[in-house]
């Protein structure tokens, strides 16, 4: 089976384009994935500007802490998003 290369963070960044009402360019996105917390300006596919980032996963940890306070399972991000 052939392999297709996909940039992990770009996949997260462009996932909102799959929504029934996708955002229009430009938009600002908060990427929270694993050890990454980045604020990005998205001008188009392949056209991104890093606006800021943390040196840890502070935003992701915040989702996990909120989920814990609400009695939800780990990892908290997907559970909080569903709520």
N, C-alpha and C. Protein backbone atom coordinates (compact mmCIF):
# COMPACT_ATOMS: atom_id res chain seq x y z
N UNK A 1 0.84 -1.17 0.00
CA UNK A 1 0.00 0.00 0.00
C UNK A 1 0.90 1.25 0.00
N UNK A 2 0.65 2.21 -0.86
CA UNK A 2 1.50 3.41 -0.91
C UNK A 2 1.31 4.28 0.32
N UNK A 3 2.36 4.98 0.69
CA UNK A 3 2.32 5.91 1.81
C UNK A 3 2.14 7.33 1.29
N UNK A 4 1.38 8.11 2.01
CA UNK A 4 1.16 9.51 1.66
C UNK A 4 1.68 10.35 2.82
N UNK A 5 2.62 11.22 2.53
CA UNK A 5 3.17 12.09 3.56
C UNK A 5 2.20 13.20 3.94
N UNK A 6 1.97 13.36 5.23
CA UNK A 6 1.07 14.40 5.72
C UNK A 6 1.77 15.13 6.86
N UNK A 7 1.80 16.45 6.80
CA UNK A 7 2.39 17.24 7.88
C UNK A 7 1.38 17.27 9.03
N UNK A 8 1.78 16.69 10.16
CA UNK A 8 0.89 16.53 11.31
C UNK A 8 0.24 17.84 11.73
N UNK A 9 1.03 18.87 11.95
CA UNK A 9 0.48 20.14 12.44
C UNK A 9 -0.36 20.83 11.37
N UNK A 10 0.02 20.72 10.11
CA UNK A 10 -0.77 21.31 9.03
C UNK A 10 -2.14 20.63 8.95
N UNK A 11 -2.18 19.34 9.22
CA UNK A 11 -3.45 18.63 9.25
C UNK A 11 -4.40 19.21 10.28
N UNK A 12 -3.87 19.47 11.47
CA UNK A 12 -4.68 20.11 12.52
C UNK A 12 -5.09 21.52 12.09
N UNK A 13 -4.15 22.23 11.52
CA UNK A 13 -4.39 23.63 11.13
C UNK A 13 -5.51 23.75 10.10
N UNK A 14 -5.57 22.82 9.15
CA UNK A 14 -6.54 22.91 8.07
C UNK A 14 -7.82 22.11 8.31
N UNK A 15 -7.89 21.37 9.41
CA UNK A 15 -9.08 20.57 9.71
C UNK A 15 -10.38 21.39 9.71
N UNK A 16 -10.38 22.65 10.15
CA UNK A 16 -11.63 23.42 10.11
C UNK A 16 -12.19 23.60 8.70
N UNK A 17 -11.36 23.43 7.67
CA UNK A 17 -11.85 23.56 6.30
C UNK A 17 -12.78 22.42 5.91
N UNK A 18 -12.82 21.36 6.72
CA UNK A 18 -13.71 20.24 6.47
C UNK A 18 -15.10 20.45 7.07
N UNK A 19 -15.27 21.50 7.84
CA UNK A 19 -16.57 21.80 8.47
C UNK A 19 -17.58 22.23 7.41
N UNK A 20 -18.88 22.05 7.69
CA UNK A 20 -19.91 22.49 6.74
C UNK A 20 -19.81 23.99 6.42
N UNK A 21 -19.40 24.79 7.40
CA UNK A 21 -19.21 26.23 7.18
C UNK A 21 -17.76 26.57 7.54
N UNK A 22 -16.83 26.29 6.63
CA UNK A 22 -15.41 26.52 6.94
C UNK A 22 -15.09 28.01 7.07
N UNK A 23 -14.05 28.32 7.82
CA UNK A 23 -13.65 29.73 7.95
C UNK A 23 -13.10 30.24 6.63
N UNK A 24 -13.23 31.54 6.43
CA UNK A 24 -12.65 32.18 5.24
C UNK A 24 -11.24 32.63 5.59
N UNK A 25 -10.37 32.63 4.58
CA UNK A 25 -9.01 33.15 4.76
C UNK A 25 -9.06 34.67 4.79
N UNK A 26 -8.24 35.33 5.55
CA UNK A 26 -7.35 34.76 6.56
C UNK A 26 -8.11 34.47 7.85
N UNK A 27 -7.57 33.54 8.64
CA UNK A 27 -8.10 33.28 9.97
C UNK A 27 -6.95 32.98 10.91
N UNK A 28 -7.23 33.06 12.19
CA UNK A 28 -6.23 32.76 13.22
C UNK A 28 -6.61 31.44 13.85
N UNK A 29 -5.61 30.57 14.05
CA UNK A 29 -5.86 29.25 14.62
C UNK A 29 -4.97 29.02 15.83
N UNK A 30 -5.53 28.35 16.82
CA UNK A 30 -4.77 27.90 17.98
C UNK A 30 -4.52 26.41 17.80
N UNK A 31 -3.26 26.03 17.65
CA UNK A 31 -2.88 24.63 17.50
C UNK A 31 -2.45 24.08 18.85
N UNK A 32 -3.12 23.03 19.30
CA UNK A 32 -2.78 22.39 20.56
C UNK A 32 -2.68 20.91 20.27
N UNK A 33 -1.47 20.38 20.20
CA UNK A 33 -1.29 18.98 19.85
C UNK A 33 -0.02 18.47 20.50
N UNK A 34 -0.16 17.53 21.40
CA UNK A 34 1.03 16.97 22.05
C UNK A 34 1.81 18.06 22.76
N UNK A 35 3.05 18.25 22.38
CA UNK A 35 3.89 19.26 23.02
C UNK A 35 3.83 20.62 22.35
N UNK A 36 2.87 20.83 21.45
CA UNK A 36 2.81 22.09 20.71
C UNK A 36 1.63 22.95 21.18
N UNK A 37 1.88 24.22 21.36
CA UNK A 37 0.84 25.22 21.53
C UNK A 37 1.29 26.41 20.69
N UNK A 38 0.59 26.63 19.57
CA UNK A 38 0.99 27.68 18.63
C UNK A 38 -0.23 28.48 18.20
N UNK A 39 -0.04 29.77 18.05
CA UNK A 39 -1.05 30.65 17.48
C UNK A 39 -0.58 31.01 16.08
N UNK A 40 -1.39 30.67 15.08
CA UNK A 40 -0.99 30.82 13.68
C UNK A 40 -1.98 31.69 12.91
N UNK A 41 -1.45 32.53 12.02
CA UNK A 41 -2.28 33.23 11.04
C UNK A 41 -2.26 32.38 9.77
N UNK A 42 -3.45 32.09 9.25
CA UNK A 42 -3.58 31.26 8.06
C UNK A 42 -4.09 32.14 6.93
N UNK A 43 -3.24 32.44 5.96
CA UNK A 43 -3.61 33.27 4.82
C UNK A 43 -4.11 32.45 3.64
N UNK A 44 -3.83 31.16 3.63
CA UNK A 44 -4.24 30.24 2.57
C UNK A 44 -3.52 28.93 2.79
N UNK A 45 -3.84 27.94 1.99
CA UNK A 45 -3.18 26.64 2.12
C UNK A 45 -1.70 26.81 1.79
N UNK A 46 -0.87 26.42 2.75
CA UNK A 46 0.58 26.56 2.59
C UNK A 46 1.11 27.94 2.93
N UNK A 47 0.24 28.84 3.36
CA UNK A 47 0.64 30.22 3.69
C UNK A 47 0.27 30.52 5.13
N UNK A 48 1.25 30.30 6.04
CA UNK A 48 1.02 30.42 7.47
C UNK A 48 2.08 31.31 8.10
N UNK A 49 1.70 31.99 9.17
CA UNK A 49 2.65 32.79 9.92
C UNK A 49 2.48 32.48 11.39
N UNK A 50 3.57 32.11 12.04
CA UNK A 50 3.57 31.86 13.47
C UNK A 50 3.45 33.19 14.20
N UNK A 51 2.39 33.35 14.99
CA UNK A 51 2.19 34.58 15.76
C UNK A 51 2.74 34.46 17.17
N UNK A 52 2.78 33.25 17.69
CA UNK A 52 3.32 33.02 19.03
C UNK A 52 3.22 31.55 19.38
N UNK A 53 4.02 31.15 20.37
CA UNK A 53 4.00 29.76 20.81
C UNK A 53 4.51 29.67 22.23
N UNK A 54 4.13 28.60 22.90
CA UNK A 54 4.66 28.34 24.23
C UNK A 54 5.79 27.33 24.12
N UNK A 55 6.53 27.18 25.19
CA UNK A 55 7.62 26.20 25.19
C UNK A 55 7.14 24.86 25.74
N UNK A 56 5.86 24.77 26.06
CA UNK A 56 5.29 23.52 26.54
C UNK A 56 3.87 23.39 26.00
N UNK A 57 3.13 22.48 26.54
CA UNK A 57 1.76 22.24 26.09
C UNK A 57 0.77 22.87 27.05
N UNK A 58 0.97 24.15 27.37
CA UNK A 58 0.15 24.82 28.38
C UNK A 58 -1.33 24.80 28.04
N UNK A 59 -1.69 25.07 26.79
CA UNK A 59 -3.11 25.09 26.42
C UNK A 59 -3.71 23.69 26.51
N UNK A 60 -2.99 22.68 26.05
CA UNK A 60 -3.48 21.31 26.14
C UNK A 60 -3.65 20.87 27.58
N UNK A 61 -2.70 21.26 28.44
CA UNK A 61 -2.81 20.91 29.84
C UNK A 61 -4.02 21.58 30.48
N UNK A 62 -4.35 22.79 30.04
CA UNK A 62 -5.54 23.47 30.56
C UNK A 62 -6.80 22.69 30.23
N UNK A 63 -6.89 22.16 29.00
CA UNK A 63 -8.05 21.34 28.63
C UNK A 63 -8.12 20.10 29.52
N UNK A 64 -6.97 19.47 29.78
CA UNK A 64 -6.95 18.27 30.62
C UNK A 64 -7.40 18.60 32.05
N UNK A 65 -6.97 19.75 32.57
CA UNK A 65 -7.36 20.13 33.93
C UNK A 65 -8.84 20.45 34.03
N UNK A 66 -9.38 21.14 33.03
CA UNK A 66 -10.82 21.42 33.00
C UNK A 66 -11.60 20.11 32.95
N UNK A 67 -11.18 19.19 32.10
CA UNK A 67 -11.86 17.90 31.98
C UNK A 67 -11.84 17.16 33.32
N UNK A 68 -10.70 17.20 34.01
CA UNK A 68 -10.60 16.53 35.30
C UNK A 68 -11.59 17.13 36.30
N UNK A 69 -11.70 18.48 36.31
CA UNK A 69 -12.64 19.15 37.21
C UNK A 69 -14.09 18.78 36.89
N UNK A 70 -14.35 18.49 35.61
CA UNK A 70 -15.69 18.11 35.19
C UNK A 70 -15.95 16.61 35.31
N UNK A 71 -14.93 15.87 35.76
CA UNK A 71 -15.08 14.43 35.92
C UNK A 71 -15.00 13.66 34.62
N UNK A 72 -14.36 14.25 33.61
CA UNK A 72 -14.24 13.60 32.30
C UNK A 72 -12.93 12.83 32.21
N UNK A 73 -12.87 11.88 31.28
CA UNK A 73 -11.69 11.06 31.09
C UNK A 73 -10.55 11.83 30.44
N UNK A 74 -9.32 11.29 30.61
CA UNK A 74 -8.11 11.81 29.96
C UNK A 74 -7.97 11.14 28.61
N UNK A 75 -7.53 11.82 27.56
CA UNK A 75 -7.18 13.24 27.49
C UNK A 75 -8.42 14.12 27.44
N UNK A 76 -8.32 15.28 28.02
CA UNK A 76 -9.48 16.14 28.20
C UNK A 76 -9.92 16.90 26.96
N UNK A 77 -9.00 17.24 26.07
CA UNK A 77 -9.34 18.07 24.91
C UNK A 77 -10.53 17.57 24.12
N UNK A 78 -10.50 16.33 23.63
CA UNK A 78 -11.63 15.83 22.84
C UNK A 78 -12.94 15.80 23.63
N UNK A 79 -12.84 15.47 24.93
CA UNK A 79 -14.06 15.41 25.75
C UNK A 79 -14.66 16.79 25.97
N UNK A 80 -13.82 17.78 26.24
CA UNK A 80 -14.30 19.16 26.42
C UNK A 80 -14.87 19.68 25.11
N UNK A 81 -14.22 19.38 24.00
CA UNK A 81 -14.70 19.84 22.68
C UNK A 81 -16.09 19.28 22.38
N UNK A 82 -16.33 18.01 22.75
CA UNK A 82 -17.64 17.42 22.49
C UNK A 82 -18.74 18.09 23.31
N UNK A 83 -18.38 18.61 24.47
CA UNK A 83 -19.37 19.29 25.32
C UNK A 83 -19.75 20.63 24.73
